[in-house]
Amino acid sequence: MFYQIKEDKVGLSIKAQPAASKNEFCEMYGNDTIKIRIKAPAVEGAANKELIRFLSKSFKVSKSDILFKTGQNSKVKIVEFPLTKEFEDWIEKNGYRQSI
């Protein structure tokens, strides 16, 4: 699965596609990564900043609470942020709920 919830934190495995026409969640990339299109180009960290803004707005998380765990200079990355009701609602709505 592309996300992992531990205690009150979410780890999200992302394949970022910079220079897209709009910011949006896309299809799965392999078995354990979700693809996200980002408007900003991959120049001087612009795509990472836009990715943080997009995740912050999507899941109602402070931008400063979103951390890159791996892949800050790669298209495939893992970010971590606090678990929110908006994230739980999003995984439920999209059928991504993990069975325990």
N, C-alpha and C. Protein backbone atom coordinates (compact mmCIF):
# COMPACT_ATOMS: atom_id res chain seq x y z
N MET A 1 0.85 -1.18 0.00
CA MET A 1 0.00 0.00 0.00
C MET A 1 0.89 1.24 0.00
N PHE A 2 0.41 2.31 -0.60
CA PHE A 2 1.20 3.53 -0.76
C PHE A 2 1.26 4.40 0.49
N TYR A 3 0.47 4.04 1.51
CA TYR A 3 0.53 4.80 2.76
C TYR A 3 0.65 3.85 3.94
N GLN A 4 1.17 4.40 5.03
CA GLN A 4 1.30 3.63 6.26
C GLN A 4 0.96 4.57 7.41
N ILE A 5 0.08 4.11 8.29
CA ILE A 5 -0.30 4.90 9.45
C ILE A 5 0.33 4.26 10.68
N LYS A 6 1.13 5.05 11.39
CA LYS A 6 1.74 4.61 12.65
C LYS A 6 1.44 5.67 13.69
N GLU A 7 0.74 5.23 14.74
CA GLU A 7 0.31 6.15 15.79
C GLU A 7 -0.49 7.28 15.16
N ASP A 8 -0.01 8.50 15.22
CA ASP A 8 -0.77 9.62 14.66
C ASP A 8 -0.08 10.23 13.43
N LYS A 9 0.77 9.44 12.76
CA LYS A 9 1.51 9.92 11.59
C LYS A 9 1.17 9.08 10.36
N VAL A 10 1.21 9.73 9.20
CA VAL A 10 1.00 9.06 7.92
C VAL A 10 2.29 9.14 7.13
N GLY A 11 2.75 8.00 6.61
CA GLY A 11 3.84 7.96 5.66
C GLY A 11 3.24 7.70 4.29
N LEU A 12 3.57 8.55 3.33
CA LEU A 12 2.96 8.47 2.00
C LEU A 12 4.06 8.33 0.96
N SER A 13 3.98 7.25 0.16
CA SER A 13 4.95 7.03 -0.91
C SER A 13 4.38 7.62 -2.20
N ILE A 14 5.14 8.56 -2.79
CA ILE A 14 4.66 9.37 -3.91
C ILE A 14 5.60 9.29 -5.09
N LYS A 15 5.03 9.20 -6.28
CA LYS A 15 5.78 9.40 -7.53
C LYS A 15 5.31 10.76 -8.04
N ALA A 16 6.16 11.76 -7.96
CA ALA A 16 5.81 13.12 -8.38
C ALA A 16 6.06 13.29 -9.87
N GLN A 17 5.08 13.87 -10.56
CA GLN A 17 5.25 14.22 -11.97
C GLN A 17 5.17 15.74 -12.09
N PRO A 18 6.31 16.41 -12.16
CA PRO A 18 6.32 17.87 -12.23
C PRO A 18 5.91 18.38 -13.61
N ALA A 19 5.66 19.68 -13.69
CA ALA A 19 5.33 20.38 -14.94
C ALA A 19 4.04 19.85 -15.56
N ALA A 20 3.07 19.49 -14.74
CA ALA A 20 1.78 19.02 -15.22
C ALA A 20 0.84 20.22 -15.42
N SER A 21 -0.30 19.99 -16.04
CA SER A 21 -1.24 21.08 -16.28
C SER A 21 -1.97 21.51 -15.01
N LYS A 22 -2.09 20.58 -14.04
CA LYS A 22 -2.72 20.92 -12.77
C LYS A 22 -2.24 19.97 -11.69
N ASN A 23 -2.44 20.35 -10.42
CA ASN A 23 -2.11 19.49 -9.29
C ASN A 23 -3.25 18.49 -9.12
N GLU A 24 -2.90 17.19 -9.07
CA GLU A 24 -3.95 16.19 -8.87
C GLU A 24 -3.35 14.85 -8.48
N PHE A 25 -4.16 14.09 -7.72
CA PHE A 25 -3.83 12.70 -7.43
C PHE A 25 -4.18 11.89 -8.67
N CYS A 26 -3.34 10.90 -8.97
CA CYS A 26 -3.56 10.07 -10.16
C CYS A 26 -3.65 8.60 -9.76
N GLU A 27 -3.27 7.76 -10.69
CA GLU A 27 -3.34 6.32 -10.49
C GLU A 27 -2.18 5.82 -9.63
N MET A 28 -2.26 4.57 -9.29
CA MET A 28 -1.17 3.92 -8.56
C MET A 28 0.03 3.79 -9.50
N TYR A 29 1.21 3.88 -8.92
CA TYR A 29 2.46 3.69 -9.65
C TYR A 29 3.11 2.47 -9.03
N GLY A 30 2.97 1.33 -9.68
CA GLY A 30 3.41 0.08 -9.07
C GLY A 30 2.41 -0.32 -8.00
N ASN A 31 2.84 -1.13 -7.05
CA ASN A 31 1.95 -1.62 -6.00
C ASN A 31 1.95 -0.76 -4.74
N ASP A 32 2.98 0.07 -4.57
CA ASP A 32 3.11 0.74 -3.28
C ASP A 32 3.43 2.24 -3.36
N THR A 33 3.03 2.87 -4.48
CA THR A 33 3.29 4.29 -4.65
C THR A 33 2.11 4.91 -5.39
N ILE A 34 1.74 6.13 -5.02
CA ILE A 34 0.69 6.84 -5.74
C ILE A 34 1.32 7.98 -6.53
N LYS A 35 0.83 8.16 -7.74
CA LYS A 35 1.34 9.21 -8.61
C LYS A 35 0.57 10.50 -8.34
N ILE A 36 1.31 11.61 -8.23
CA ILE A 36 0.71 12.92 -8.05
C ILE A 36 1.30 13.86 -9.10
N ARG A 37 0.44 14.48 -9.87
CA ARG A 37 0.89 15.48 -10.85
C ARG A 37 0.98 16.83 -10.14
N ILE A 38 2.07 17.54 -10.45
CA ILE A 38 2.35 18.84 -9.82
C ILE A 38 2.59 19.87 -10.92
N LYS A 39 1.97 21.05 -10.79
CA LYS A 39 2.10 22.09 -11.81
C LYS A 39 3.52 22.63 -11.94
N ALA A 40 4.20 22.78 -10.84
CA ALA A 40 5.52 23.42 -10.85
C ALA A 40 6.57 22.54 -11.53
N PRO A 41 7.55 23.16 -12.17
CA PRO A 41 8.64 22.38 -12.78
C PRO A 41 9.62 21.90 -11.71
N ALA A 42 10.40 20.90 -12.07
CA ALA A 42 11.40 20.35 -11.14
C ALA A 42 12.68 21.19 -11.22
N VAL A 43 12.57 22.45 -10.85
CA VAL A 43 13.69 23.38 -10.90
C VAL A 43 13.82 24.06 -9.54
N GLU A 44 14.99 23.94 -8.93
CA GLU A 44 15.32 24.61 -7.68
C GLU A 44 14.28 24.36 -6.58
N GLY A 45 13.78 23.14 -6.51
CA GLY A 45 12.86 22.77 -5.44
C GLY A 45 11.43 23.25 -5.61
N ALA A 46 11.10 23.83 -6.75
CA ALA A 46 9.75 24.37 -6.96
C ALA A 46 8.69 23.27 -6.91
N ALA A 47 8.98 22.11 -7.48
CA ALA A 47 7.99 21.02 -7.49
C ALA A 47 7.76 20.50 -6.06
N ASN A 48 8.81 20.39 -5.26
CA ASN A 48 8.64 19.95 -3.87
C ASN A 48 7.80 20.95 -3.08
N LYS A 49 8.04 22.23 -3.28
CA LYS A 49 7.26 23.25 -2.57
C LYS A 49 5.79 23.18 -2.98
N GLU A 50 5.55 22.99 -4.26
CA GLU A 50 4.17 22.88 -4.75
C GLU A 50 3.52 21.60 -4.24
N LEU A 51 4.28 20.52 -4.17
CA LEU A 51 3.76 19.25 -3.63
C LEU A 51 3.35 19.44 -2.17
N ILE A 52 4.17 20.12 -1.38
CA ILE A 52 3.84 20.37 0.02
C ILE A 52 2.58 21.23 0.13
N ARG A 53 2.47 22.26 -0.71
CA ARG A 53 1.26 23.09 -0.70
C ARG A 53 0.02 22.26 -1.03
N PHE A 54 0.15 21.40 -2.04
CA PHE A 54 -0.98 20.56 -2.48
C PHE A 54 -1.41 19.59 -1.38
N LEU A 55 -0.45 18.91 -0.76
CA LEU A 55 -0.78 17.97 0.32
C LEU A 55 -1.36 18.72 1.52
N SER A 56 -0.80 19.87 1.84
CA SER A 56 -1.28 20.67 2.96
C SER A 56 -2.74 21.06 2.76
N LYS A 57 -3.06 21.52 1.58
CA LYS A 57 -4.43 21.93 1.27
C LYS A 57 -5.36 20.71 1.21
N SER A 58 -4.91 19.63 0.61
CA SER A 58 -5.75 18.44 0.44
C SER A 58 -6.12 17.79 1.77
N PHE A 59 -5.17 17.74 2.70
CA PHE A 59 -5.37 16.99 3.94
C PHE A 59 -5.43 17.88 5.18
N LYS A 60 -5.50 19.20 5.00
CA LYS A 60 -5.62 20.16 6.10
C LYS A 60 -4.51 19.96 7.14
N VAL A 61 -3.28 19.97 6.63
CA VAL A 61 -2.08 19.82 7.46
C VAL A 61 -1.23 21.07 7.27
N SER A 62 -0.63 21.54 8.32
CA SER A 62 0.29 22.67 8.21
C SER A 62 1.46 22.29 7.31
N LYS A 63 1.88 23.20 6.44
CA LYS A 63 3.01 22.92 5.54
C LYS A 63 4.26 22.56 6.33
N SER A 64 4.44 23.18 7.49
CA SER A 64 5.64 22.90 8.29
C SER A 64 5.60 21.50 8.92
N ASP A 65 4.43 20.87 8.95
CA ASP A 65 4.31 19.52 9.51
C ASP A 65 4.55 18.42 8.48
N ILE A 66 4.74 18.78 7.21
CA ILE A 66 5.01 17.80 6.16
C ILE A 66 6.51 17.69 5.98
N LEU A 67 7.03 16.47 6.22
CA LEU A 67 8.47 16.24 6.16
C LEU A 67 8.82 15.24 5.08
N PHE A 68 9.92 15.48 4.38
CA PHE A 68 10.45 14.51 3.44
C PHE A 68 11.27 13.50 4.22
N LYS A 69 10.88 12.23 4.16
CA LYS A 69 11.64 11.17 4.81
C LYS A 69 12.72 10.65 3.86
N THR A 70 12.37 10.50 2.57
CA THR A 70 13.33 10.07 1.55
C THR A 70 12.97 10.74 0.23
N GLY A 71 13.93 10.80 -0.67
CA GLY A 71 13.67 11.19 -2.05
C GLY A 71 13.43 12.65 -2.32
N GLN A 72 13.95 13.52 -1.49
CA GLN A 72 13.72 14.95 -1.71
C GLN A 72 14.23 15.39 -3.09
N ASN A 73 15.28 14.74 -3.59
CA ASN A 73 15.83 15.08 -4.90
C ASN A 73 15.49 14.03 -5.96
N SER A 74 14.45 13.26 -5.71
CA SER A 74 14.05 12.19 -6.61
C SER A 74 12.57 12.33 -6.94
N LYS A 75 12.13 11.70 -8.02
CA LYS A 75 10.70 11.74 -8.35
C LYS A 75 9.90 10.84 -7.42
N VAL A 76 10.51 9.79 -6.91
CA VAL A 76 9.84 8.91 -5.95
C VAL A 76 10.30 9.29 -4.56
N LYS A 77 9.35 9.62 -3.69
CA LYS A 77 9.70 10.14 -2.37
C LYS A 77 8.71 9.65 -1.33
N ILE A 78 9.10 9.73 -0.09
CA ILE A 78 8.21 9.41 1.02
C ILE A 78 8.11 10.66 1.88
N VAL A 79 6.87 11.08 2.13
CA VAL A 79 6.63 12.22 3.01
C VAL A 79 5.86 11.72 4.23
N GLU A 80 6.00 12.45 5.32
CA GLU A 80 5.31 12.11 6.56
C GLU A 80 4.61 13.36 7.07
N PHE A 81 3.38 13.15 7.58
CA PHE A 81 2.61 14.25 8.14
C PHE A 81 1.62 13.70 9.16
N PRO A 82 1.06 14.57 10.01
CA PRO A 82 0.11 14.10 11.01
C PRO A 82 -1.17 13.55 10.36
N LEU A 83 -1.70 12.52 10.96
CA LEU A 83 -2.95 11.92 10.49
C LEU A 83 -4.09 12.90 10.75
N THR A 84 -4.90 13.15 9.72
CA THR A 84 -6.06 14.05 9.86
C THR A 84 -7.32 13.33 9.42
N LYS A 85 -8.45 13.87 9.82
CA LYS A 85 -9.73 13.33 9.39
C LYS A 85 -9.87 13.43 7.87
N GLU A 86 -9.34 14.51 7.29
CA GLU A 86 -9.41 14.69 5.83
C GLU A 86 -8.67 13.57 5.10
N PHE A 87 -7.52 13.15 5.64
CA PHE A 87 -6.80 12.04 5.01
C PHE A 87 -7.60 10.75 5.14
N GLU A 88 -8.13 10.48 6.33
CA GLU A 88 -8.94 9.28 6.53
C GLU A 88 -10.15 9.27 5.61
N ASP A 89 -10.81 10.42 5.46
CA ASP A 89 -11.96 10.52 4.56
C ASP A 89 -11.54 10.27 3.11
N TRP A 90 -10.38 10.80 2.72
CA TRP A 90 -9.89 10.64 1.35
C TRP A 90 -9.60 9.17 1.03
N ILE A 91 -8.94 8.44 1.94
CA ILE A 91 -8.64 7.03 1.65
C ILE A 91 -9.93 6.20 1.63
N GLU A 92 -10.88 6.58 2.47
CA GLU A 92 -12.17 5.87 2.48
C GLU A 92 -12.93 6.12 1.16
N LYS A 93 -12.99 7.37 0.76
CA LYS A 93 -13.72 7.76 -0.45
C LYS A 93 -13.13 7.11 -1.70
N ASN A 94 -11.83 6.97 -1.74
CA ASN A 94 -11.16 6.43 -2.93
C ASN A 94 -10.92 4.92 -2.87
N GLY A 95 -11.40 4.27 -1.81
CA GLY A 95 -11.27 2.83 -1.71
C GLY A 95 -9.87 2.33 -1.37
N TYR A 96 -9.10 3.17 -0.69
CA TYR A 96 -7.72 2.80 -0.33
C TYR A 96 -7.58 2.27 1.08
N ARG A 97 -8.69 2.12 1.79
CA ARG A 97 -8.65 1.67 3.19
C ARG A 97 -7.93 0.33 3.29
N GLN A 98 -6.94 0.25 4.19
CA GLN A 98 -6.23 -1.01 4.43
C GLN A 98 -7.06 -1.89 5.35
N SER A 99 -7.09 -3.17 5.05
CA SER A 99 -7.75 -4.08 5.98
C SER A 99 -6.76 -4.48 7.06
N ILE A 100 -7.22 -4.52 8.28
CA ILE A 100 -6.33 -4.83 9.41
C ILE A 100 -6.58 -6.23 9.89
